[in-house]
Protein backbone atom coordinates (compact mmCIF):
# COMPACT_ATOMS: atom_id res chain seq x y z
CA MET A 1 17.24 -14.14 4.70
CA VAL A 2 19.91 -12.27 6.23
CA GLU A 3 19.46 -9.38 8.54
CA PRO A 4 20.66 -6.01 6.63
CA GLU A 5 23.06 -5.63 9.21
CA ASP A 6 24.93 -8.95 8.97
CA CYS A 7 25.20 -8.80 5.08
CA ARG A 8 28.41 -8.94 3.81
CA SER A 9 27.75 -9.45 -0.07
CA MET A 10 25.50 -7.45 -2.36
CA ALA A 11 24.37 -11.26 -3.36
CA GLU A 12 22.85 -11.03 0.23
CA VAL A 13 21.34 -7.55 0.03
CA ARG A 14 20.18 -8.16 -3.31
CA HIS A 15 18.37 -11.24 -1.70
CA GLY A 16 17.05 -9.64 1.00
CA VAL A 17 15.57 -6.93 -1.16
CA ASP A 18 14.34 -9.94 -3.50
CA SER A 19 12.53 -11.36 -0.64
CA LEU A 20 10.98 -8.27 1.10
CA ASP A 21 9.45 -7.28 -2.69
CA GLU A 22 8.17 -10.64 -2.87
CA GLN A 23 6.25 -10.14 0.32
CA ILE A 24 5.57 -6.24 0.04
CA VAL A 25 3.32 -7.89 -3.74
CA ALA A 26 1.53 -10.28 -1.51
CA LEU A 27 0.81 -7.79 1.15
CA LEU A 28 -0.87 -5.42 -1.55
CA ALA A 29 -2.42 -8.18 -3.07
CA ARG A 30 -4.26 -8.73 -0.02
CA ARG A 31 -5.01 -4.51 0.50
CA MET A 32 -6.53 -4.88 -2.94
CA ARG A 33 -8.96 -7.60 -2.12
CA PHE A 34 -10.22 -5.11 0.41
CA MET A 35 -10.64 -2.81 -2.15
CA ASP A 36 -12.91 -5.49 -4.10
CA ALA A 37 -14.82 -6.01 -0.81
CA ALA A 38 -15.67 -2.18 -0.55
CA ALA A 39 -16.87 -2.27 -4.11
CA ARG A 40 -19.32 -5.20 -3.51
CA ILE A 41 -20.22 -3.44 0.06
CA LYS A 42 -20.67 -0.02 -0.71
CA GLN A 43 -24.26 1.18 -2.18
CA HIS A 44 -23.51 4.17 -4.33
CA ARG A 45 -20.59 5.21 -6.79
CA GLY A 46 -20.51 8.14 -4.91
CA GLU A 47 -18.98 6.82 -1.66
CA VAL A 48 -15.83 5.11 -3.64
CA ARG A 49 -14.04 8.31 -3.11
CA ASP A 50 -13.52 9.37 0.31
CA GLU A 51 -11.22 12.45 0.82
CA ALA A 52 -11.62 12.23 4.51
CA ARG A 53 -10.55 8.81 4.35
CA LYS A 54 -8.07 8.83 2.23
CA ALA A 55 -6.31 11.82 4.37
CA ALA A 56 -6.63 9.61 7.15
CA VAL A 57 -4.70 6.61 5.21
CA ILE A 58 -2.19 8.59 4.17
CA ALA A 59 -1.44 10.44 7.25
CA ASN A 60 -1.55 6.92 9.43
CA ALA A 61 1.04 5.34 6.73
CA VAL A 62 3.34 8.47 7.17
CA ALA A 63 2.88 8.12 11.24
CA THR A 64 4.09 5.16 10.90
CA ALA A 65 7.13 5.71 8.89
CA ARG A 66 8.13 8.47 10.98
CA ARG A 67 8.23 5.88 14.19
CA ALA A 68 9.94 3.39 11.84
CA GLY A 69 12.84 5.72 10.67
CA VAL A 70 11.50 5.39 7.50
CA PRO A 71 11.91 9.14 5.16
CA GLU A 72 7.98 10.38 5.18
CA GLU A 73 8.07 12.17 1.93
CA LEU A 74 8.64 8.94 0.59
CA ILE A 75 6.20 7.31 2.25
CA ARG A 76 3.76 10.23 1.38
CA ASP A 77 4.02 9.91 -1.85
CA LEU A 78 4.11 5.76 -2.22
CA TYR A 79 0.59 6.10 -0.24
CA GLU A 80 -0.44 9.08 -2.29
CA MET A 81 -0.13 6.89 -5.58
CA LEU A 82 -1.13 3.09 -3.68
CA VAL A 83 -4.34 5.49 -2.66
CA GLU A 84 -5.49 6.72 -5.98
CA ARG A 85 -5.00 3.19 -7.42
CA SER A 86 -7.16 1.91 -5.24
CA ILE A 87 -9.60 3.92 -5.86
CA ALA A 88 -9.50 3.65 -9.80
CA TYR A 89 -9.50 0.23 -9.01
CA GLU A 90 -12.58 0.06 -6.80
CA TYR A 91 -14.26 2.54 -9.41
CA ALA A 92 -13.77 -0.27 -12.11
CA ARG A 93 -15.14 -3.27 -9.94
CA PHE A 94 -17.89 -1.14 -8.88
CA ASP A 95 -19.16 -0.36 -12.36
CA ALA A 96 -18.32 -3.99 -13.23
CA ARG A 97 -20.91 -5.43 -10.69
């Protein structure tokens, strides 16, 4: 994959974006396996939603975005949705046990 600074065509840009998207989805799939583990480990359904942990996860992601020069609001919004969907997924997995 060509680095963004070295792209000379839209085909190279699109190839880079597509390649990164594959990696992002693979990482998200791995992240969801941790939600499977959490649903397996937690003893009570009430443990699934942890607002303090949610806030910490989002704050960590925003801090990482800040250091990387990525728009913080974008990451905050993405992580709000990611964490909420992860909680919903974990509830479903917990209830299926």
